[in-house]
């Protein structure tokens, strides 16, 4: 039995760049397909460009928008302060909502029926009523509960305090938005926790880890890949929901600031544009932060490759060795 290994096919068939001749196809008989023309792409591009130009011309030439007024009040002191209060309410409400939602999600997964019932009732009530109605109730909290006392039931009081002194409109807005958001985030977090395979918990228990460590070090880090995208959406939604805090009433946010200026100038449209520009700017920053968070927690779960190593193509094998995979195998004569 003898073996023969043919010489590489890149000898006379291919020429270097000095000869100026094209390199022969290393795979004989291969069909080289040409792209089919797609006039629809160019037609749609032209249509979109014309519509965009028309829209830009409409925005610039329409005197109703009053762009000089927009430029004057885009950095007004009251408007910038309203942006600050809006961001503060958004951050505090999301922190409160996330903490409450995590507790509610863990309670929903508990084996204790009382904890599951309490969590279900909280989610049912706060998801089933409008956020504006809830904010109105929280604004009237000092009227409904004028005093909080601690002592013996039906007996003497140890101490008491007035809710008007410790529960201003700002905290009513934060609590109202945070508890409402927590009901929605609870289901998001619960779905994220359920997305982690149960084998992770069983393997961790086999290693002697407690339930708290398993949840903190194993389950939550893996569930964040599922939780972060809807959490980012809810944060952006919370930013815009702060425009409803007038129901509390809280009168220092961005929407109220621009409305107050527009009522004074009798120019509602330019100030609406000012508020919209600020909301778009803040939303853009939040979307960038969401992108980096998703990329951080999604390491190893790249949707484009499915987490697997990229396959080596036939053409790459040709380019690296100068021969096709078939030609690189030795011929065997019996």
Protein backbone atom coordinates (compact mmCIF):
# COMPACT_ATOMS: atom_id res chain seq x y z
CA UNK A 1 0.00 0.00 0.00
CA UNK A 2 1.42 3.38 -0.99
CA UNK A 3 0.26 6.89 -0.34
CA UNK A 4 0.55 9.99 -2.48
CA UNK A 5 0.02 13.52 -1.36
CA UNK A 6 -0.65 15.87 -4.27
CA UNK A 7 1.15 19.17 -4.45
CA UNK A 8 -0.79 22.28 -3.50
CA UNK A 9 -2.93 23.67 -6.28
CA UNK A 10 -1.60 27.17 -5.83
CA UNK A 11 1.46 26.83 -8.11
CA UNK A 12 1.00 27.88 -11.71
CA UNK A 13 -2.71 28.46 -11.33
CA UNK A 14 -2.17 31.49 -9.14
CA UNK A 15 0.05 34.44 -9.67
CA UNK A 16 1.38 37.01 -7.26
CA UNK A 17 0.55 40.68 -7.35
CA UNK A 18 3.74 41.40 -9.35
CA UNK A 19 2.42 39.58 -12.48
CA UNK A 20 -0.84 41.51 -12.48
CA UNK A 21 -2.85 38.37 -13.32
CA UNK A 22 -5.95 37.28 -11.36
CA UNK A 23 -5.64 34.30 -9.05
CA UNK A 24 -7.52 31.23 -10.27
CA UNK A 25 -10.53 30.07 -8.32
CA UNK A 26 -9.32 27.42 -5.80
CA UNK A 27 -12.70 25.67 -6.06
CA UNK A 28 -13.27 24.75 -9.75
CA UNK A 29 -16.80 24.86 -11.06
CA UNK A 30 -18.11 27.09 -8.32
CA UNK A 31 -21.06 29.28 -9.33
CA UNK A 32 -20.53 32.97 -8.66
CA UNK A 33 -23.96 34.51 -8.13
CA UNK A 34 -24.59 38.19 -8.76
CA UNK A 35 -26.79 40.35 -6.62
CA UNK A 36 -30.22 40.85 -8.08
CA UNK A 37 -31.17 44.52 -8.54
CA UNK A 38 -33.38 45.92 -5.82
CA UNK A 39 -35.01 49.11 -7.03
CA UNK A 40 -37.38 49.11 -4.08
CA UNK A 41 -34.52 50.08 -1.76
CA UNK A 42 -33.66 53.17 -3.80
CA UNK A 43 -37.30 54.13 -4.30
CA UNK A 44 -38.04 53.90 -0.58
CA UNK A 45 -34.88 55.88 0.22
CA UNK A 46 -35.94 58.67 -2.14
CA UNK A 47 -39.47 58.73 -0.68
CA UNK A 48 -38.17 58.87 2.90
CA UNK A 49 -35.69 61.62 1.97
CA UNK A 50 -38.44 63.73 0.39
CA UNK A 51 -40.71 63.26 3.40
CA UNK A 52 -37.86 64.18 5.76
CA UNK A 53 -37.04 67.31 3.78
CA UNK A 54 -40.69 68.32 3.79
CA UNK A 55 -40.93 67.77 7.54
CA UNK A 56 -37.78 69.80 8.20
CA UNK A 57 -39.07 72.63 6.01
CA UNK A 58 -42.40 72.53 7.87
CA UNK A 59 -40.69 72.72 11.26
CA UNK A 60 -38.43 75.59 10.23
CA UNK A 61 -40.91 77.76 8.35
CA UNK A 62 -43.98 77.31 10.57
CA UNK A 63 -44.15 80.41 12.84
CA UNK A 64 -46.26 78.56 15.43
CA UNK A 65 -43.22 76.67 16.74
CA UNK A 66 -41.48 79.98 17.59
CA UNK A 67 -37.93 78.63 17.71
CA UNK A 68 -36.44 81.84 19.21
CA UNK A 69 -38.64 81.30 22.28
CA UNK A 70 -37.51 77.67 22.43
CA UNK A 71 -33.86 78.77 22.34
CA UNK A 72 -34.53 81.38 25.04
CA UNK A 73 -36.12 79.00 27.57
CA UNK A 74 -34.29 75.74 26.84
CA UNK A 75 -31.76 76.61 29.57
CA UNK A 76 -34.03 78.70 31.77
CA UNK A 77 -33.32 78.40 35.49
CA UNK A 78 -36.80 77.09 36.30
CA UNK A 79 -36.61 74.56 33.47
CA UNK A 80 -33.19 73.27 34.54
CA UNK A 81 -34.38 73.00 38.14
CA UNK A 82 -37.41 71.07 36.88
CA UNK A 83 -35.08 68.68 35.07
CA UNK A 84 -33.17 68.13 38.30
CA UNK A 85 -36.31 67.40 40.32
CA UNK A 86 -37.60 65.08 37.59
CA UNK A 87 -34.36 63.09 37.60
CA UNK A 88 -34.35 62.91 41.40
CA UNK A 89 -37.91 61.62 41.54
CA UNK A 90 -37.15 59.09 38.79
CA UNK A 91 -34.08 57.70 40.54
CA UNK A 92 -35.66 57.49 44.00
CA UNK A 93 -38.89 55.98 42.69
CA UNK A 94 -37.01 53.35 40.68
CA UNK A 95 -34.82 52.44 43.67
CA UNK A 96 -37.89 52.08 45.89
CA UNK A 97 -39.76 50.17 43.19
CA UNK A 98 -36.85 47.79 42.58
CA UNK A 99 -36.45 46.98 46.28
CA UNK A 100 -40.18 46.41 46.74
CA UNK A 101 -40.38 44.40 43.51
CA UNK A 102 -37.50 42.13 44.52
CA UNK A 103 -39.17 41.43 47.85
CA UNK A 104 -42.53 40.80 46.17
CA UNK A 105 -40.97 38.50 43.56
CA UNK A 106 -39.21 36.44 46.22
CA UNK A 107 -42.46 36.24 48.19
CA UNK A 108 -44.28 35.00 45.09
CA UNK A 109 -41.72 32.20 44.80
CA UNK A 110 -41.97 31.32 48.49
CA UNK A 111 -43.48 28.08 49.77
CA UNK A 112 -45.35 30.08 52.43
CA UNK A 113 -48.94 30.63 51.20
CA UNK A 114 -49.34 33.74 53.38
CA UNK A 115 -46.35 35.45 51.75
CA UNK A 116 -47.57 34.45 48.30
CA UNK A 117 -51.02 35.84 49.07
CA UNK A 118 -49.67 39.17 50.35
CA UNK A 119 -47.48 39.55 47.28
CA UNK A 120 -50.34 38.69 44.93
CA UNK A 121 -52.68 41.18 46.64
CA UNK A 122 -50.10 43.97 46.39
CA UNK A 123 -49.49 43.33 42.69
CA UNK A 124 -53.22 43.02 41.99
CA UNK A 125 -54.13 46.32 43.65
CA UNK A 126 -51.30 48.48 42.32
CA UNK A 127 -51.43 47.09 38.78
CA UNK A 128 -55.22 47.23 38.67
CA UNK A 129 -55.64 50.95 39.46
CA UNK A 130 -54.41 53.94 37.40
CA UNK A 131 -51.22 55.60 38.56
CA UNK A 132 -52.93 59.01 38.50
CA UNK A 133 -55.58 57.74 40.94
CA UNK A 134 -52.87 56.35 43.21
CA UNK A 135 -51.00 59.66 43.18
CA UNK A 136 -54.18 61.51 44.15
CA UNK A 137 -54.61 59.15 47.11
CA UNK A 138 -51.01 59.66 48.19
CA UNK A 139 -51.49 63.42 47.89
CA UNK A 140 -54.43 63.10 50.29
CA UNK A 141 -52.54 60.78 52.63
CA UNK A 142 -52.08 63.53 55.23
CA UNK A 143 -55.85 64.07 55.17
CA UNK A 144 -56.71 60.39 55.38
CA UNK A 145 -54.06 59.71 58.07
CA UNK A 146 -53.45 63.02 59.85
CA UNK A 147 -51.54 61.41 62.72
CA UNK A 148 -49.50 58.27 63.26
CA UNK A 149 -49.36 57.02 66.85
CA UNK A 150 -47.54 54.15 68.47
CA UNK A 151 -48.70 52.61 71.72
CA UNK A 152 -50.95 49.98 73.28
CA UNK A 153 -54.04 49.17 71.17
CA UNK A 154 -57.11 50.81 72.77
CA UNK A 155 -54.75 52.10 75.45
CA UNK A 156 -52.30 54.89 76.08
CA UNK A 157 -50.11 56.26 73.29
CA UNK A 158 -46.36 56.25 73.69
CA UNK A 159 -45.70 58.87 71.05
CA UNK A 160 -47.30 60.29 67.91
CA UNK A 161 -46.46 62.68 65.09
CA UNK A 162 -48.34 64.57 62.43
CA UNK A 163 -47.99 63.27 58.89
CA UNK A 164 -48.02 66.83 57.54
CA UNK A 165 -44.63 67.44 59.13
CA UNK A 166 -42.88 64.34 57.72
CA UNK A 167 -44.70 63.54 54.50
CA UNK A 168 -44.48 66.48 52.06
CA UNK A 169 -45.60 66.37 48.44
CA UNK A 170 -42.16 65.33 47.21
CA UNK A 171 -42.11 62.10 49.23
CA UNK A 172 -45.75 61.45 48.38
CA UNK A 173 -44.77 61.54 44.70
CA UNK A 174 -41.77 59.24 45.26
CA UNK A 175 -43.74 56.72 47.32
CA UNK A 176 -46.71 56.75 44.94
CA UNK A 177 -44.60 56.22 41.82
CA UNK A 178 -42.27 53.74 43.53
CA UNK A 179 -45.02 51.46 44.85
CA UNK A 180 -46.86 51.55 41.53
CA UNK A 181 -43.67 50.69 39.65
CA UNK A 182 -42.82 47.92 42.10
CA UNK A 183 -45.96 46.02 41.13
CA UNK A 184 -44.85 45.88 37.50
CA UNK A 185 -41.20 45.20 38.25
CA UNK A 186 -42.18 42.34 40.56
CA UNK A 187 -43.45 40.31 37.62
CA UNK A 188 -40.39 41.22 35.54
CA UNK A 189 -38.01 40.14 38.29
CA UNK A 190 -40.00 36.98 38.96
CA UNK A 191 -39.81 35.99 35.31
CA UNK A 192 -36.07 36.66 35.34
CA UNK A 193 -35.57 34.51 38.43
CA UNK A 194 -37.64 31.72 36.89
CA UNK A 195 -35.51 31.83 33.74
CA UNK A 196 -32.52 30.40 35.63
CA UNK A 197 -32.45 26.62 35.45
CA UNK A 198 -33.33 24.82 38.69
CA UNK A 199 -30.22 22.74 38.33
CA UNK A 200 -28.21 25.82 39.31
CA UNK A 201 -29.95 25.87 42.69
CA UNK A 202 -29.57 22.13 43.19
CA UNK A 203 -25.87 22.22 42.34
CA UNK A 204 -25.33 25.15 44.71
CA UNK A 205 -27.10 23.35 47.55
CA UNK A 206 -24.94 20.30 46.87
CA UNK A 207 -21.91 22.54 47.45
CA UNK A 208 -23.32 23.60 50.83
CA UNK A 209 -24.48 27.10 49.93
CA UNK A 210 -27.41 28.64 51.76
CA UNK A 211 -30.53 30.02 50.11
CA UNK A 212 -29.41 33.61 50.60
CA UNK A 213 -26.01 33.04 48.99
CA UNK A 214 -27.59 31.06 46.15
CA UNK A 215 -30.00 33.88 45.40
CA UNK A 216 -27.37 36.62 45.67
CA UNK A 217 -24.41 34.94 43.97
CA UNK A 218 -25.95 32.43 41.56
CA UNK A 219 -29.55 33.23 40.63
CA UNK A 220 -29.68 37.04 40.46
CA UNK A 221 -26.46 37.52 38.39
CA UNK A 222 -27.79 35.11 35.75
CA UNK A 223 -31.31 36.52 35.88
CA UNK A 224 -30.06 40.06 35.23
CA UNK A 225 -29.61 39.19 31.56
CA UNK A 226 -33.40 38.80 31.34
CA UNK A 227 -34.28 41.57 33.81
CA UNK A 228 -32.17 44.46 32.49
CA UNK A 229 -33.93 45.11 29.11
CA UNK A 230 -37.47 45.52 30.54
CA UNK A 231 -36.01 47.29 33.59
CA UNK A 232 -34.49 49.86 31.26
CA UNK A 233 -37.82 50.30 29.52
CA UNK A 234 -39.56 50.79 32.85
CA UNK A 235 -36.98 53.41 33.86
CA UNK A 236 -37.63 55.38 30.69
CA UNK A 237 -41.36 55.02 31.31
CA UNK A 238 -40.89 56.26 34.88
CA UNK A 239 -39.10 59.35 33.59
CA UNK A 240 -42.17 60.27 31.56
CA UNK A 241 -44.65 59.23 34.26
CA UNK A 242 -43.19 61.91 36.55
CA UNK A 243 -45.22 64.38 34.51
CA UNK A 244 -48.26 63.17 36.51
CA UNK A 245 -46.93 64.23 39.92
CA UNK A 246 -49.07 67.35 39.66
CA UNK A 247 -51.82 65.10 41.07
CA UNK A 248 -50.02 64.95 44.44
CA UNK A 249 -49.58 67.98 43.93
CA UNK A 250 -45.84 68.46 43.36
CA UNK A 251 -45.11 71.62 41.39
CA UNK A 252 -41.35 71.62 40.75
CA UNK A 253 -40.95 69.02 38.02
CA UNK A 254 -40.10 69.71 34.38
CA UNK A 255 -43.65 69.51 33.04
CA UNK A 256 -45.03 71.93 35.61
CA UNK A 257 -42.12 74.35 35.07
CA UNK A 258 -42.68 74.52 31.31
CA UNK A 259 -46.46 74.77 31.76
CA UNK A 260 -46.04 77.68 34.17
CA UNK A 261 -43.85 79.57 31.69
CA UNK A 262 -46.22 78.84 28.78
CA UNK A 263 -49.20 80.14 30.79
CA UNK A 264 -47.31 83.33 31.51
CA UNK A 265 -46.28 83.84 27.87
CA UNK A 266 -49.46 82.44 26.28
CA UNK A 267 -47.16 80.28 24.15
CA UNK A 268 -47.82 76.61 24.95
CA UNK A 269 -46.28 75.05 21.83
CA UNK A 270 -42.69 76.39 22.20
CA UNK A 271 -42.57 75.34 25.84
CA UNK A 272 -43.93 71.90 24.98
CA UNK A 273 -41.04 71.61 22.53
CA UNK A 274 -38.63 72.61 25.32
CA UNK A 275 -39.99 69.84 27.57
CA UNK A 276 -39.88 67.32 24.70
CA UNK A 277 -36.23 68.17 23.92
CA UNK A 278 -35.22 67.65 27.54
CA UNK A 279 -37.12 64.36 27.80
CA UNK A 280 -35.53 63.13 24.58
CA UNK A 281 -32.04 64.10 25.80
CA UNK A 282 -32.45 62.29 29.13
CA UNK A 283 -34.00 59.27 27.44
CA UNK A 284 -31.04 59.06 25.05
CA UNK A 285 -28.61 58.94 27.97
CA UNK A 286 -30.68 56.24 29.69
CA UNK A 287 -30.76 54.16 26.50
CA UNK A 288 -26.97 54.32 26.23
CA UNK A 289 -26.66 53.16 29.83
CA UNK A 290 -29.12 50.35 29.17
CA UNK A 291 -27.07 49.23 26.16
CA UNK A 292 -23.89 48.87 28.20
CA UNK A 293 -25.72 47.10 31.03
CA UNK A 294 -27.23 44.62 28.61
CA UNK A 295 -23.82 43.96 27.06
CA UNK A 296 -22.25 43.48 30.50
CA UNK A 297 -24.82 41.02 31.84
CA UNK A 298 -25.17 39.30 28.45
CA UNK A 299 -21.56 38.16 28.26
CA UNK A 300 -21.44 34.63 26.87
CA UNK A 301 -24.98 34.88 25.50
CA UNK A 302 -24.35 36.72 22.25
CA UNK A 303 -27.47 36.39 20.11
CA UNK A 304 -25.48 36.56 16.88
CA UNK A 305 -23.44 33.42 17.60
CA UNK A 306 -25.68 31.74 20.14
CA UNK A 307 -22.76 31.48 22.54
CA UNK A 308 -20.92 29.00 20.31
CA UNK A 309 -17.52 29.43 18.74
CA UNK A 310 -17.63 30.67 15.14
CA UNK A 311 -17.35 27.92 12.56
CA UNK A 312 -14.43 27.88 10.18
CA UNK A 313 -15.73 28.39 6.68
CA UNK A 314 -14.59 26.47 3.62
CA UNK A 315 -13.23 29.64 2.02
CA UNK A 316 -11.17 30.51 5.11
CA UNK A 317 -9.60 27.08 4.97
CA UNK A 318 -8.66 27.72 1.34
CA UNK A 319 -7.20 31.13 2.08
CA UNK A 320 -5.08 29.87 4.96
CA UNK A 321 -3.63 26.74 3.36
CA UNK A 322 -3.89 27.43 -0.37
CA UNK A 323 -5.75 24.12 -0.88
CA UNK A 324 -9.29 23.00 -0.40
CA UNK A 325 -10.08 20.74 2.57
CA UNK A 326 -10.73 17.92 0.11
CA UNK A 327 -7.39 18.38 -1.64
CA UNK A 328 -5.50 18.45 1.63
CA UNK A 329 -6.42 14.82 2.36
CA UNK A 330 -3.95 12.16 1.16
CA UNK A 331 -4.94 9.69 -1.55
CA UNK A 332 -4.75 6.06 -0.56
CA UNK A 333 -4.05 3.29 -3.08
CA UNK A 334 -4.74 -0.26 -2.05
